[in-house]
Each structure stands twice: as C-alpha cells, then as structure tokens.
Amino acid sequence: MKLFACIWLCLCAIGGGGDEKDKPRTELRLKAATSVRGLHVTIADLCELPATDGPAAAVGAVRFGPAPVHGYGRTISRTEVVQALAGAGIDVATVQFTGADEVVVQTVSVEIPAGELLDAATAALQAQLAVEGGDVEYEAPRNLRHVQAPPGRQSQDLRARVRGHRTGPNACVVEVEVLVDGEVGKTVPVAFKLQRFQPVLKTLAALRAGQPLGPDTVTQVREPMDQASGLFLTLPTQVDGMVAARNLQPGQRLTLGDIAPPALIHKGDIVTIVLTRGRVKVTAKAMANHDAPLQGRITLTNLQSRSQLSGVVHGPGLVVTQ
C-alpha cells in the first residue's frame, strides 16, 4: 500500500490532477544540465526555484544523492527527482514540475596545489615529532600526485594527521584530508622518510689499556642510529674517572665493555689480605696477579704457601676474602 501511494503521488506531481488540485504548488523547473560544487546533489542543483526562502527553500535543500565522480556525468530523470522528494517526506502533490524531462549532472572540481598538501602534512609531522622527542630529520616526497576535489558550496579546507598517531623507525605516513563543506571528500597519503640520530662517544686517538678517559681522549659526535645500533655510551659524564679497559682504535665508538674504573691495585703489588671465617679474621701477605679497581675482584698468590686466593679490593693494598 505504501508503494502504491508513493507511485500515485509521483504521478500526480508529474502529470497533475487528482484531489490535490486546489493545493498551492511550488514550481520546480528542471534544468537540462547542471554542475555541482559540493559532495552532494540537492534539488536546488537540479531545478530552478521560484524563491530562496519558504517552502521552495525547504524543497531545494533536499539531498538527491552523492555527486558524480570527477570526470563523469550522470543523467537524472524527472521521475527520480519526484521519488527523492517523496522519500524525504515532501508532499509531492504540492510541487509542480516544468522544464526538461532529465538533467545531466557533473561535478565541479579544482586542483589542490601540491605545496598546500605538503605544508599541511609537514606541519602535522613536526607536531608529532615534537611530542615524541628525539633527534630526527625528515625527507619530504619530491613528487605528489595531482589531486582534484570539489571547491565546496561554502569552503574547502585541509586537515592532516599522522597515520596511527605515531612515527615509524625510518618512515611516516601523514594522511591529509580534503574537507569539502566540513566533510571529508578525499584523503591523500603523504609519505616521509625519517632519519634518526643519537649522540655517541668516540675516541680521538689510539688509547692503551689503562689510559685515562676524558675530554682530551674522548669526544661526543652525532651519528645516524642505523650506524649506531649497539649499546654505545652517549654522555661524556659516563667516562668521568674511567680508563680504557683495553687497547682502543682512533674513532672507535665506546661501549660499557671499553671502559673500567682505574686500578687501585696493580699486578705485582704486595697487599694485605684479610681472610674471614665466622668471627675469626686472619691476615696474610699476598702478591696481586693482575690489576684491579676498588670493589673489583682480584686473584692473588700467598707469599708463604704459594697458594692461589681470590678476593675483593677494599682499599689501597687491602683485599678481603671469605
């Protein structure tokens, strides 16, 4: 029954007649061709309205459907227009159609400058990098594809955001949305290359094991992270009071294994060793078998028995063992 009523109203609107003759009618003159500036086709795009306010304005604001894709047209018949009005709840008996029997609809599109797309994407990337922190350089794409979008009835704007709200280790995609009258009409992905950097400590010259480390022997440099992926030292304060744990080459990046506290006891030193067993403590003399720093472990040779002992350095010339 509802379908029959809708068809009957459409026939009345197209051909007139019926019991609705005496109702005031809004005349809609169907255009032969029209161009749409927004994302949606309205009745006002398809028809010439007698006025811009009142009942005619309400009819003209009814959306017929989405605008055709750029470069393509669509032919809309008078019957389809009547059906759209009936579906929107408009009493089609109060509408009188004149003019063409069908209208050819095309979409107006303008090219968005690549520079504007890139500026919006760059601003979004910079804001994200500021939140994430770190030393990062980025390379913008050299060629962006041409983008066409409707200019909109009132406005056309750009809105950009980083995909996933975070950057990758070496790349980042920024999605630039083309807003047509406040609605997303098109999304353009803009890909950036990223290069991350970190500070590392390097030797200024060849160093011998045990040589002190400091501003004269070590410097801080900025290097790409893909070339400094290990656990390298980054701050000059990390080598304060330290010495080279082994022989080091010029320009060598320093790790924790390359540095050590300075030796408090050296190989061949005669030290006092305190042997503790419960509450009993015994002291003896022993010779250091190698260098060892404060709180470092050391092996010794007992001067009397020639037996081998090990302990922990507690001070100059003092080793404690259990």
C-alpha atoms as a PDB file:
ATOM      1  CA  MET A   1       0.000   0.000   0.000  1.00  0.00           C
ATOM      2  CA  LYS A   2       2.817   2.431   0.829  1.00  0.00           C
ATOM      3  CA  LEU A   3       4.492   1.728  -2.518  1.00  0.00           C
ATOM      4  CA  PHE A   4       1.199   2.296  -4.350  1.00  0.00           C
ATOM      5  CA  ALA A   5       0.687   5.590  -2.528  1.00  0.00           C
ATOM      6  CA  CYS A   6       4.201   6.775  -3.375  1.00  0.00           C
ATOM      7  CA  ILE A   7       3.699   5.921  -7.074  1.00  0.00           C
ATOM      8  CA  TRP A   8       0.333   7.683  -7.070  1.00  0.00           C
ATOM      9  CA  LEU A   9       1.859  10.829  -5.568  1.00  0.00           C
ATOM     10  CA  CYS A  10       4.663  10.764  -8.126  1.00  0.00           C
ATOM     11  CA  LEU A  11       2.172  10.505 -10.975  1.00  0.00           C
ATOM     12  CA  CYS A  12       0.176  13.344  -9.535  1.00  0.00           C
ATOM     13  CA  ALA A  13       3.286  15.538  -9.238  1.00  0.00           C
ATOM     14  CA  ILE A  14       4.378  14.796 -12.777  1.00  0.00           C
ATOM     15  CA  GLY A  15       1.040  14.933 -14.529  1.00  0.00           C
ATOM     16  CA  GLY A  16      -1.094  16.936 -12.108  1.00  0.00           C
ATOM     17  CA  GLY A  17      -4.763  16.087 -11.341  1.00  0.00           C
ATOM     18  CA  GLY A  18      -6.330  14.083  -8.525  1.00  0.00           C
ATOM     19  CA  ASP A  19      -7.929  15.545  -5.442  1.00  0.00           C
ATOM     20  CA  GLU A  20      -4.925  17.838  -4.748  1.00  0.00           C
ATOM     21  CA  LYS A  21      -5.738  20.411  -7.497  1.00  0.00           C
ATOM     22  CA  ASP A  22      -6.563  23.201  -5.118  1.00  0.00           C
ATOM     23  CA  LYS A  23      -3.364  22.956  -3.014  1.00  0.00           C
ATOM     24  CA  PRO A  24      -0.760  25.723  -3.588  1.00  0.00           C
ATOM     25  CA  ARG A  25       2.099  24.370  -5.622  1.00  0.00           C
ATOM     26  CA  THR A  26       5.807  25.151  -5.749  1.00  0.00           C
ATOM     27  CA  GLU A  27       7.023  25.229  -9.325  1.00  0.00           C
ATOM     28  CA  LEU A  28      10.298  23.457  -9.960  1.00  0.00           C
ATOM     29  CA  ARG A  29      11.804  23.936 -13.406  1.00  0.00           C
ATOM     30  CA  LEU A  30      14.112  21.022 -14.142  1.00  0.00           C
ATOM     31  CA  LYS A  31      17.414  22.130 -15.707  1.00  0.00           C
ATOM     32  CA  ALA A  32      18.820  20.456 -18.806  1.00  0.00           C
ATOM     33  CA  ALA A  33      22.342  20.417 -17.316  1.00  0.00           C
ATOM     34  CA  THR A  34      23.920  21.454 -14.032  1.00  0.00           C
ATOM     35  CA  SER A  35      27.250  21.496 -12.211  1.00  0.00           C
ATOM     36  CA  VAL A  36      27.644  20.670  -8.527  1.00  0.00           C
ATOM     37  CA  ARG A  37      30.288  22.307  -6.312  1.00  0.00           C
ATOM     38  CA  GLY A  38      29.881  20.075  -3.251  1.00  0.00           C
ATOM     39  CA  LEU A  39      29.855  16.400  -2.357  1.00  0.00           C
ATOM     40  CA  HIS A  40      26.075  16.058  -2.610  1.00  0.00           C
ATOM     41  CA  VAL A  41      23.452  16.811  -5.243  1.00  0.00           C
ATOM     42  CA  THR A  42      20.456  18.763  -3.940  1.00  0.00           C
ATOM     43  CA  ILE A  43      17.109  19.531  -5.544  1.00  0.00           C
ATOM     44  CA  ALA A  44      18.276  23.155  -5.848  1.00  0.00           C
ATOM     45  CA  ASP A  45      21.126  21.920  -8.054  1.00  0.00           C
ATOM     46  CA  LEU A  46      18.689  20.109 -10.358  1.00  0.00           C
ATOM     47  CA  CYS A  47      15.896  22.639 -10.506  1.00  0.00           C
ATOM     48  CA  GLU A  48      15.338  26.361 -10.739  1.00  0.00           C
ATOM     49  CA  LEU A  49      13.447  27.555  -7.666  1.00  0.00           C
ATOM     50  CA  PRO A  50      10.965  30.410  -7.692  1.00  0.00           C
ATOM     51  CA  ALA A  51      12.314  31.718  -4.376  1.00  0.00           C
ATOM     52  CA  THR A  52      15.163  31.143  -1.914  1.00  0.00           C
ATOM     53  CA  ASP A  53      13.001  31.067   1.221  1.00  0.00           C
ATOM     54  CA  GLY A  54       9.818  29.485   2.438  1.00  0.00           C
ATOM     55  CA  PRO A  55       8.571  26.156   1.052  1.00  0.00           C
ATOM     56  CA  ALA A  56      10.763  26.431  -2.039  1.00  0.00           C
ATOM     57  CA  ALA A  57      13.924  26.653   0.108  1.00  0.00           C
ATOM     58  CA  ALA A  58      12.901  23.555   2.078  1.00  0.00           C
ATOM     59  CA  VAL A  59      12.374  21.630  -1.142  1.00  0.00           C
ATOM     60  CA  GLY A  60      15.637  22.876  -2.627  1.00  0.00           C
ATOM     61  CA  ALA A  61      17.638  21.747   0.421  1.00  0.00           C
ATOM     62  CA  VAL A  62      16.595  18.112  -0.027  1.00  0.00           C
ATOM     63  CA  ARG A  63      19.565  15.923  -0.949  1.00  0.00           C
ATOM     64  CA  PHE A  64      19.135  13.789  -4.031  1.00  0.00           C
ATOM     65  CA  GLY A  65      22.335  11.778  -3.602  1.00  0.00           C
ATOM     66  CA  PRO A  66      26.138  11.912  -3.860  1.00  0.00           C
ATOM     67  CA  ALA A  67      27.748  13.997  -6.559  1.00  0.00           C
ATOM     68  CA  PRO A  68      29.245  12.112  -9.542  1.00  0.00           C
ATOM     69  CA  VAL A  69      32.922  11.268  -9.554  1.00  0.00           C
ATOM     70  CA  HIS A  70      35.145  13.900 -11.155  1.00  0.00           C
ATOM     71  CA  GLY A  71      35.254  13.440 -14.916  1.00  0.00           C
ATOM     72  CA  TYR A  72      31.968  11.530 -15.084  1.00  0.00           C
ATOM     73  CA  GLY A  73      28.402  12.708 -15.555  1.00  0.00           C
ATOM     74  CA  ARG A  74      25.024  11.331 -14.567  1.00  0.00           C
ATOM     75  CA  THR A  75      21.619  11.724 -16.150  1.00  0.00           C
ATOM     76  CA  ILE A  76      18.720  12.121 -13.704  1.00  0.00           C
ATOM     77  CA  SER A  77      15.117  11.868 -14.830  1.00  0.00           C
ATOM     78  CA  ARG A  78      12.170  13.868 -13.552  1.00  0.00           C
ATOM     79  CA  THR A  79      10.704  10.698 -12.039  1.00  0.00           C
ATOM     80  CA  GLU A  80      13.855  10.148  -9.944  1.00  0.00           C
ATOM     81  CA  VAL A  81      13.591  13.694  -8.619  1.00  0.00           C
ATOM     82  CA  VAL A  82       9.966  13.126  -7.597  1.00  0.00           C
ATOM     83  CA  GLN A  83      10.911   9.875  -5.868  1.00  0.00           C
ATOM     84  CA  ALA A  84      13.679  11.658  -3.961  1.00  0.00           C
ATOM     85  CA  LEU A  85      11.220  14.300  -2.721  1.00  0.00           C
ATOM     86  CA  ALA A  86       8.696  11.672  -1.687  1.00  0.00           C
ATOM     87  CA  GLY A  87      11.402   9.729   0.140  1.00  0.00           C
ATOM     88  CA  ALA A  88      12.352  12.907   2.028  1.00  0.00           C
ATOM     89  CA  GLY A  89       8.759  13.329   3.242  1.00  0.00           C
ATOM     90  CA  ILE A  90       7.824  16.178   0.882  1.00  0.00           C
ATOM     91  CA  ASP A  91       4.201  16.192  -0.242  1.00  0.00           C
ATOM     92  CA  VAL A  92       4.834  15.914  -3.967  1.00  0.00           C
ATOM     93  CA  ALA A  93       1.242  16.984  -4.653  1.00  0.00           C
ATOM     94  CA  THR A  94       2.352  20.500  -3.677  1.00  0.00           C
ATOM     95  CA  VAL A  95       5.119  20.502  -6.287  1.00  0.00           C
ATOM     96  CA  GLN A  96       4.701  21.221  -9.972  1.00  0.00           C
ATOM     97  CA  PHE A  97       7.471  20.240 -12.358  1.00  0.00           C
ATOM     98  CA  THR A  98       8.227  22.038 -15.591  1.00  0.00           C
ATOM     99  CA  GLY A  99      11.256  22.304 -17.835  1.00  0.00           C
ATOM    100  CA  ALA A 100      13.363  19.409 -19.097  1.00  0.00           C
ATOM    101  CA  ASP A 101      12.474  15.759 -18.631  1.00  0.00           C
ATOM    102  CA  GLU A 102      16.001  14.899 -17.455  1.00  0.00           C
ATOM    103  CA  VAL A 103      19.099  16.726 -16.268  1.00  0.00           C
ATOM    104  CA  VAL A 104      22.780  15.919 -16.863  1.00  0.00           C
ATOM    105  CA  VAL A 105      24.812  16.395 -13.672  1.00  0.00           C
ATOM    106  CA  GLN A 106      28.568  16.921 -13.493  1.00  0.00           C
ATOM    107  CA  THR A 107      30.852  17.788 -10.581  1.00  0.00           C
ATOM    108  CA  VAL A 108      32.950  20.937 -10.460  1.00  0.00           C
ATOM    109  CA  SER A 109      36.487  20.109  -9.296  1.00  0.00           C
ATOM    110  CA  VAL A 110      39.597  22.172  -8.738  1.00  0.00           C
ATOM    111  CA  GLU A 111      43.196  21.054  -8.402  1.00  0.00           C
ATOM    112  CA  ILE A 112      44.659  21.352  -4.915  1.00  0.00           C
ATOM    113  CA  PRO A 113      48.229  22.730  -5.103  1.00  0.00           C
ATOM    114  CA  ALA A 114      50.812  20.151  -4.100  1.00  0.00           C
ATOM    115  CA  GLY A 115      52.530  22.792  -1.977  1.00  0.00           C
ATOM    116  CA  GLU A 116      49.444  23.196   0.201  1.00  0.00           C
ATOM    117  CA  LEU A 117      49.162  19.425   0.701  1.00  0.00           C
ATOM    118  CA  LEU A 118      52.850  19.208   1.613  1.00  0.00           C
ATOM    119  CA  ASP A 119      52.643  22.166   4.009  1.00  0.00           C
ATOM    120  CA  ALA A 120      49.714  20.607   5.861  1.00  0.00           C
ATOM    121  CA  ALA A 121      51.444  17.203   6.053  1.00  0.00           C
ATOM    122  CA  THR A 122      54.746  18.728   7.216  1.00  0.00           C
ATOM    123  CA  ALA A 123      53.050  20.695   9.991  1.00  0.00           C
ATOM    124  CA  ALA A 124      51.350  17.529  11.276  1.00  0.00           C
ATOM    125  CA  LEU A 125      54.637  15.588  11.181  1.00  0.00           C
ATOM    126  CA  GLN A 126      56.527  18.320  13.025  1.00  0.00           C
ATOM    127  CA  ALA A 127      53.881  18.397  15.750  1.00  0.00           C
ATOM    128  CA  GLN A 128      54.080  14.612  16.183  1.00  0.00           C
ATOM    129  CA  LEU A 129      57.893  14.655  16.341  1.00  0.00           C
ATOM    130  CA  ALA A 130      57.745  17.400  18.959  1.00  0.00           C
ATOM    131  CA  VAL A 131      55.557  15.131  21.111  1.00  0.00           C
ATOM    132  CA  GLU A 132      57.722  12.039  20.600  1.00  0.00           C
ATOM    133  CA  GLY A 133      61.028  13.844  21.073  1.00  0.00           C
ATOM    134  CA  GLY A 134      64.407  12.704  19.805  1.00  0.00           C
ATOM    135  CA  ASP A 135      66.796  13.905  17.130  1.00  0.00           C
ATOM    136  CA  VAL A 136      65.051  13.250  13.807  1.00  0.00           C
ATOM    137  CA  GLU A 137      65.449  14.593  10.283  1.00  0.00           C
ATOM    138  CA  TYR A 138      62.791  14.014   7.630  1.00  0.00           C
ATOM    139  CA  GLU A 139      62.745  13.995   3.842  1.00  0.00           C
ATOM    140  CA  ALA A 140      59.543  15.022   2.088  1.00  0.00           C
ATOM    141  CA  PRO A 141      58.370  13.287  -1.103  1.00  0.00           C
ATOM    142  CA  ARG A 142      59.603  15.002  -4.223  1.00  0.00           C
ATOM    143  CA  ASN A 143      56.528  14.470  -6.379  1.00  0.00           C
ATOM    144  CA  LEU A 144      52.956  14.451  -5.125  1.00  0.00           C
ATOM    145  CA  ARG A 145      50.204  13.219  -7.416  1.00  0.00           C
ATOM    146  CA  HIS A 146      47.670  15.726  -8.690  1.00  0.00           C
ATOM    147  CA  VAL A 147      44.558  15.864  -6.534  1.00  0.00           C
ATOM    148  CA  GLN A 148      41.161  17.082  -7.715  1.00  0.00           C
ATOM    149  CA  ALA A 149      38.343  17.880  -5.290  1.00  0.00           C
ATOM    150  CA  PRO A 150      35.121  19.933  -5.320  1.00  0.00           C
ATOM    151  CA  PRO A 151      35.597  23.532  -4.150  1.00  0.00           C
ATOM    152  CA  GLY A 152      32.537  23.223  -1.919  1.00  0.00           C
ATOM    153  CA  ARG A 153      29.493  25.422  -1.628  1.00  0.00           C
ATOM    154  CA  GLN A 154      30.986  27.317   1.325  1.00  0.00           C
ATOM    155  CA  SER A 155      34.519  26.051   1.960  1.00  0.00           C
ATOM    156  CA  GLN A 156      37.335  23.682   1.124  1.00  0.00           C
ATOM    157  CA  ASP A 157      39.947  23.023   3.825  1.00  0.00           C
ATOM    158  CA  LEU A 158      42.808  20.639   4.599  1.00  0.00           C
ATOM    159  CA  ARG A 159      43.273  18.590   7.779  1.00  0.00           C
ATOM    160  CA  ALA A 160      46.345  16.404   8.341  1.00  0.00           C
ATOM    161  CA  ARG A 161      47.219  13.772  10.939  1.00  0.00           C
ATOM    162  CA  VAL A 162      49.946  11.134  11.304  1.00  0.00           C
ATOM    163  CA  ARG A 163      48.677   7.660  10.497  1.00  0.00           C
ATOM    164  CA  GLY A 164      48.399   5.623  13.688  1.00  0.00           C
ATOM    165  CA  HIS A 165      49.330   8.731  15.729  1.00  0.00           C
ATOM    166  CA  ARG A 166      52.996   7.683  15.791  1.00  0.00           C
ATOM    167  CA  THR A 167      56.017   7.686  13.502  1.00  0.00           C
ATOM    168  CA  GLY A 168      57.933   4.599  12.412  1.00  0.00           C
ATOM    169  CA  PRO A 169      61.659   3.989  12.827  1.00  0.00           C
ATOM    170  CA  ASN A 170      62.522   5.127   9.298  1.00  0.00           C
ATOM    171  CA  ALA A 171      59.275   6.328   7.724  1.00  0.00           C
ATOM    172  CA  CYS A 172      55.993   8.046   8.447  1.00  0.00           C
ATOM    173  CA  VAL A 173      52.729   8.474   6.540  1.00  0.00           C
ATOM    174  CA  VAL A 174      50.652  11.612   7.042  1.00  0.00           C
ATOM    175  CA  GLU A 175      47.051  11.472   5.869  1.00  0.00           C
ATOM    176  CA  VAL A 176      45.826  14.808   4.518  1.00  0.00           C
ATOM    177  CA  GLU A 177      42.039  15.017   4.418  1.00  0.00           C
ATOM    178  CA  VAL A 178      40.346  17.379   1.961  1.00  0.00           C
ATOM    179  CA  LEU A 179      37.322  18.795   3.773  1.00  0.00           C
ATOM    180  CA  VAL A 180      34.526  19.965   1.466  1.00  0.00           C
ATOM    181  CA  ASP A 181      31.953  21.986   3.398  1.00  0.00           C
ATOM    182  CA  GLY A 182      33.232  20.313   6.573  1.00  0.00           C
ATOM    183  CA  GLU A 183      33.002  16.739   5.243  1.00  0.00           C
ATOM    184  CA  VAL A 184      35.916  14.518   4.194  1.00  0.00           C
ATOM    185  CA  GLY A 185      35.865  14.440   0.417  1.00  0.00           C
ATOM    186  CA  LYS A 186      39.227  12.811  -0.198  1.00  0.00           C
ATOM    187  CA  THR A 187      42.212  11.521   1.790  1.00  0.00           C
ATOM    188  CA  VAL A 188      45.718  11.915   0.372  1.00  0.00           C
ATOM    189  CA  PRO A 189      48.586   9.881   1.954  1.00  0.00           C
ATOM    190  CA  VAL A 190      51.925  11.707   2.087  1.00  0.00           C
ATOM    191  CA  ALA A 191      54.946   9.501   2.883  1.00  0.00           C
ATOM    192  CA  PHE A 192      58.077  10.910   4.580  1.00  0.00           C
ATOM    193  CA  LYS A 193      61.471   9.287   5.055  1.00  0.00           C
ATOM    194  CA  LEU A 194      62.904   9.625   8.562  1.00  0.00           C
ATOM    195  CA  GLN A 195      66.485   9.535   9.757  1.00  0.00           C
ATOM    196  CA  ARG A 196      67.033   9.310  13.491  1.00  0.00           C
ATOM    197  CA  PHE A 197      70.258  10.384  15.194  1.00  0.00           C
ATOM    198  CA  GLN A 198      71.805   9.838  18.607  1.00  0.00           C
ATOM    199  CA  PRO A 199      74.962  11.103  20.328  1.00  0.00           C
ATOM    200  CA  VAL A 200      77.796   8.607  20.803  1.00  0.00           C
ATOM    201  CA  LEU A 201      81.248   8.827  22.385  1.00  0.00           C
ATOM    202  CA  LYS A 202      84.286   8.229  20.180  1.00  0.00           C
ATOM    203  CA  THR A 203      87.992   8.097  20.863  1.00  0.00           C
ATOM    204  CA  LEU A 204      90.081  10.924  19.458  1.00  0.00           C
ATOM    205  CA  ALA A 205      93.222   8.806  19.093  1.00  0.00           C
ATOM    206  CA  ALA A 206      94.580   5.339  19.788  1.00  0.00           C
ATOM    207  CA  LEU A 207      94.439   4.528  23.513  1.00  0.00           C
ATOM    208  CA  ARG A 208      96.287   1.950  25.566  1.00  0.00           C
ATOM    209  CA  ALA A 209      94.588  -0.174  28.177  1.00  0.00           C
ATOM    210  CA  GLY A 210      94.537   1.715  31.472  1.00  0.00           C
ATOM    211  CA  GLN A 211      94.863   5.139  29.864  1.00  0.00           C
ATOM    212  CA  PRO A 212      92.558   7.725  31.484  1.00  0.00           C
ATOM    213  CA  LEU A 213      89.463   8.828  29.549  1.00  0.00           C
ATOM    214  CA  GLY A 214      88.326  12.431  29.402  1.00  0.00           C
ATOM    215  CA  PRO A 215      87.849  15.476  27.140  1.00  0.00           C
ATOM    216  CA  ASP A 216      91.369  15.062  25.745  1.00  0.00           C
ATOM    217  CA  THR A 217      90.810  11.494  24.608  1.00  0.00           C
ATOM    218  CA  VAL A 218      87.052  11.174  24.009  1.00  0.00           C
ATOM    219  CA  THR A 219      84.521  13.327  22.132  1.00  0.00           C
ATOM    220  CA  GLN A 220      80.754  13.249  21.605  1.00  0.00           C
ATOM    221  CA  VAL A 221      79.535  13.020  17.988  1.00  0.00           C
ATOM    222  CA  ARG A 222      76.120  12.832  16.289  1.00  0.00           C
ATOM    223  CA  GLU A 223      75.556   9.708  14.219  1.00  0.00           C
ATOM    224  CA  PRO A 224      72.632   8.042  12.419  1.00  0.00           C
ATOM    225  CA  MET A 225      71.009   5.388  14.546  1.00  0.00           C
ATOM    226  CA  ASP A 226      71.240   2.744  11.834  1.00  0.00           C
ATOM    227  CA  GLN A 227      75.018   3.077  12.159  1.00  0.00           C
ATOM    228  CA  ALA A 228      74.909   3.168  15.955  1.00  0.00           C
ATOM    229  CA  SER A 229      72.503   0.403  16.810  1.00  0.00           C
ATOM    230  CA  GLY A 230      74.549  -1.018  19.698  1.00  0.00           C
ATOM    231  CA  LEU A 231      74.580  -0.042  23.356  1.00  0.00           C
ATOM    232  CA  PHE A 232      77.073   2.758  22.938  1.00  0.00           C
ATOM    233  CA  LEU A 233      77.953   5.379  25.519  1.00  0.00           C
ATOM    234  CA  THR A 234      76.297   8.736  24.832  1.00  0.00           C
ATOM    235  CA  LEU A 235      77.315  11.189  27.589  1.00  0.00           C
ATOM    236  CA  PRO A 236      80.789  12.490  28.497  1.00  0.00           C
ATOM    237  CA  THR A 237      79.924  12.064  32.178  1.00  0.00           C
ATOM    238  CA  GLN A 238      79.826   8.299  31.640  1.00  0.00           C
ATOM    239  CA  VAL A 239      83.613   8.188  31.273  1.00  0.00           C
ATOM    240  CA  ASP A 240      84.478  10.585  34.089  1.00  0.00           C
ATOM    241  CA  GLY A 241      87.190   8.972  36.222  1.00  0.00           C
ATOM    242  CA  MET A 242      87.337   5.906  33.944  1.00  0.00           C
ATOM    243  CA  VAL A 243      90.198   4.363  31.991  1.00  0.00           C
ATOM    244  CA  ALA A 244      90.365   2.291  28.837  1.00  0.00           C
ATOM    245  CA  ALA A 245      89.603  -1.341  29.652  1.00  0.00           C
ATOM    246  CA  ARG A 246      91.524  -2.486  26.549  1.00  0.00           C
ATOM    247  CA  ASN A 247      93.509  -1.038  23.681  1.00  0.00           C
ATOM    248  CA  LEU A 248      91.220   1.204  21.604  1.00  0.00           C
ATOM    249  CA  GLN A 249      91.483   2.374  17.997  1.00  0.00           C
ATOM    250  CA  PRO A 250      91.109   6.001  16.836  1.00  0.00           C
ATOM    251  CA  GLY A 251      87.479   6.939  16.147  1.00  0.00           C
ATOM    252  CA  GLN A 252      86.157   3.876  17.964  1.00  0.00           C
ATOM    253  CA  ARG A 253      82.658   4.117  19.459  1.00  0.00           C
ATOM    254  CA  LEU A 254      82.750   3.329  23.166  1.00  0.00           C
ATOM    255  CA  THR A 255      80.642   0.702  24.923  1.00  0.00           C
ATOM    256  CA  LEU A 256      80.461  -0.244  28.590  1.00  0.00           C
ATOM    257  CA  GLY A 257      82.953  -3.016  27.921  1.00  0.00           C
ATOM    258  CA  ASP A 258      85.534  -0.490  26.707  1.00  0.00           C
ATOM    259  CA  ILE A 259      85.798   1.420  29.988  1.00  0.00           C
ATOM    260  CA  ALA A 260      86.708   0.456  33.527  1.00  0.00           C
ATOM    261  CA  PRO A 261      87.457   2.142  36.859  1.00  0.00           C
ATOM    262  CA  PRO A 262      91.155   2.914  37.371  1.00  0.00           C
ATOM    263  CA  ALA A 263      93.177   0.159  39.035  1.00  0.00           C
ATOM    264  CA  LEU A 264      93.716   0.610  42.760  1.00  0.00           C
ATOM    265  CA  ILE A 265      95.999  -2.409  42.963  1.00  0.00           C
ATOM    266  CA  HIS A 266      98.420  -3.285  40.166  1.00  0.00           C
ATOM    267  CA  LYS A 267      99.971  -6.559  39.112  1.00  0.00           C
ATOM    268  CA  GLY A 268     102.918  -7.476  41.354  1.00  0.00           C
ATOM    269  CA  ASP A 269     101.819  -5.295  44.276  1.00  0.00           C
ATOM    270  CA  ILE A 270     102.249  -6.826  47.733  1.00  0.00           C
ATOM    271  CA  VAL A 271      98.950  -6.418  49.562  1.00  0.00           C
ATOM    272  CA  THR A 272      97.413  -7.389  52.886  1.00  0.00           C
ATOM    273  CA  ILE A 273      94.715  -9.996  52.553  1.00  0.00           C
ATOM    274  CA  VAL A 274      92.150 -10.454  55.292  1.00  0.00           C
ATOM    275  CA  LEU A 275      90.689 -13.953  55.489  1.00  0.00           C
ATOM    276  CA  THR A 276      87.385 -14.123  57.369  1.00  0.00           C
ATOM    277  CA  ARG A 277      85.831 -17.298  58.759  1.00  0.00           C
ATOM    278  CA  GLY A 278      82.916 -16.597  61.063  1.00  0.00           C
ATOM    279  CA  ARG A 279      84.233 -14.270  63.799  1.00  0.00           C
ATOM    280  CA  VAL A 280      87.834 -15.200  63.127  1.00  0.00           C
ATOM    281  CA  LYS A 281      89.940 -12.940  60.932  1.00  0.00           C
ATOM    282  CA  VAL A 282      93.427 -13.815  59.740  1.00  0.00           C
ATOM    283  CA  THR A 283      95.752 -11.522  57.811  1.00  0.00           C
ATOM    284  CA  ALA A 284      98.487 -12.502  55.443  1.00  0.00           C
ATOM    285  CA  LYS A 285     100.643 -11.075  52.707  1.00  0.00           C
ATOM    286  CA  ALA A 286      99.978 -11.879  49.050  1.00  0.00           C
ATOM    287  CA  MET A 287     101.031 -10.691  45.610  1.00  0.00           C
ATOM    288  CA  ALA A 288      98.488  -9.368  43.070  1.00  0.00           C
ATOM    289  CA  ASN A 289      98.303 -11.420  39.892  1.00  0.00           C
ATOM    290  CA  HIS A 290      96.735  -8.584  37.867  1.00  0.00           C
ATOM    291  CA  ASP A 291      95.353  -5.053  38.110  1.00  0.00           C
ATOM    292  CA  ALA A 292      92.030  -4.493  39.887  1.00  0.00           C
ATOM    293  CA  PRO A 293      89.902  -1.416  40.750  1.00  0.00           C
ATOM    294  CA  LEU A 294      88.139  -0.611  44.009  1.00  0.00           C
ATOM    295  CA  GLN A 295      85.447  -3.254  44.700  1.00  0.00           C
ATOM    296  CA  GLY A 296      86.838  -5.294  41.817  1.00  0.00           C
ATOM    297  CA  ARG A 297      87.660  -8.985  42.141  1.00  0.00           C
ATOM    298  CA  ILE A 298      91.321  -9.968  42.134  1.00  0.00           C
ATOM    299  CA  THR A 299      93.376 -13.172  42.331  1.00  0.00           C
ATOM    300  CA  LEU A 300      96.497 -13.305  44.493  1.00  0.00           C
ATOM    301  CA  THR A 301      99.399 -15.617  45.338  1.00  0.00           C
ATOM    302  CA  ASN A 302     100.055 -16.256  49.018  1.00  0.00           C
ATOM    303  CA  LEU A 303     103.712 -15.381  49.684  1.00  0.00           C
ATOM    304  CA  GLN A 304     104.193 -18.180  52.201  1.00  0.00           C
ATOM    305  CA  SER A 305     102.186 -21.117  50.870  1.00  0.00           C
ATOM    306  CA  ARG A 306     102.186 -20.015  47.183  1.00  0.00           C
ATOM    307  CA  SER A 307      98.514 -20.970  47.105  1.00  0.00           C
ATOM    308  CA  GLN A 308      96.077 -19.031  44.941  1.00  0.00           C
ATOM    309  CA  LEU A 309      93.459 -16.828  46.588  1.00  0.00           C
ATOM    310  CA  SER A 310      90.734 -14.503  45.324  1.00  0.00           C
ATOM    311  CA  GLY A 311      89.002 -11.588  46.967  1.00  0.00           C
ATOM    312  CA  VAL A 312      87.587  -8.096  46.607  1.00  0.00           C
ATOM    313  CA  VAL A 313      89.615  -4.880  46.700  1.00  0.00           C
ATOM    314  CA  HIS A 314      88.517  -2.795  49.693  1.00  0.00           C
ATOM    315  CA  GLY A 315      91.184  -0.130  49.538  1.00  0.00           C
ATOM    316  CA  PRO A 316      94.816   0.581  48.568  1.00  0.00           C
ATOM    317  CA  GLY A 317      96.773  -2.559  49.416  1.00  0.00           C
ATOM    318  CA  LEU A 318      93.779  -4.244  51.106  1.00  0.00           C
ATOM    319  CA  VAL A 319      91.879  -7.312  49.856  1.00  0.00           C
ATOM    320  CA  VAL A 320      89.134  -9.146  51.759  1.00  0.00           C
ATOM    321  CA  THR A 321      88.215 -12.748  51.059  1.00  0.00           C
ATOM    322  CA  GLN A 322      85.869 -15.237  52.658  1.00  0.00           C
END
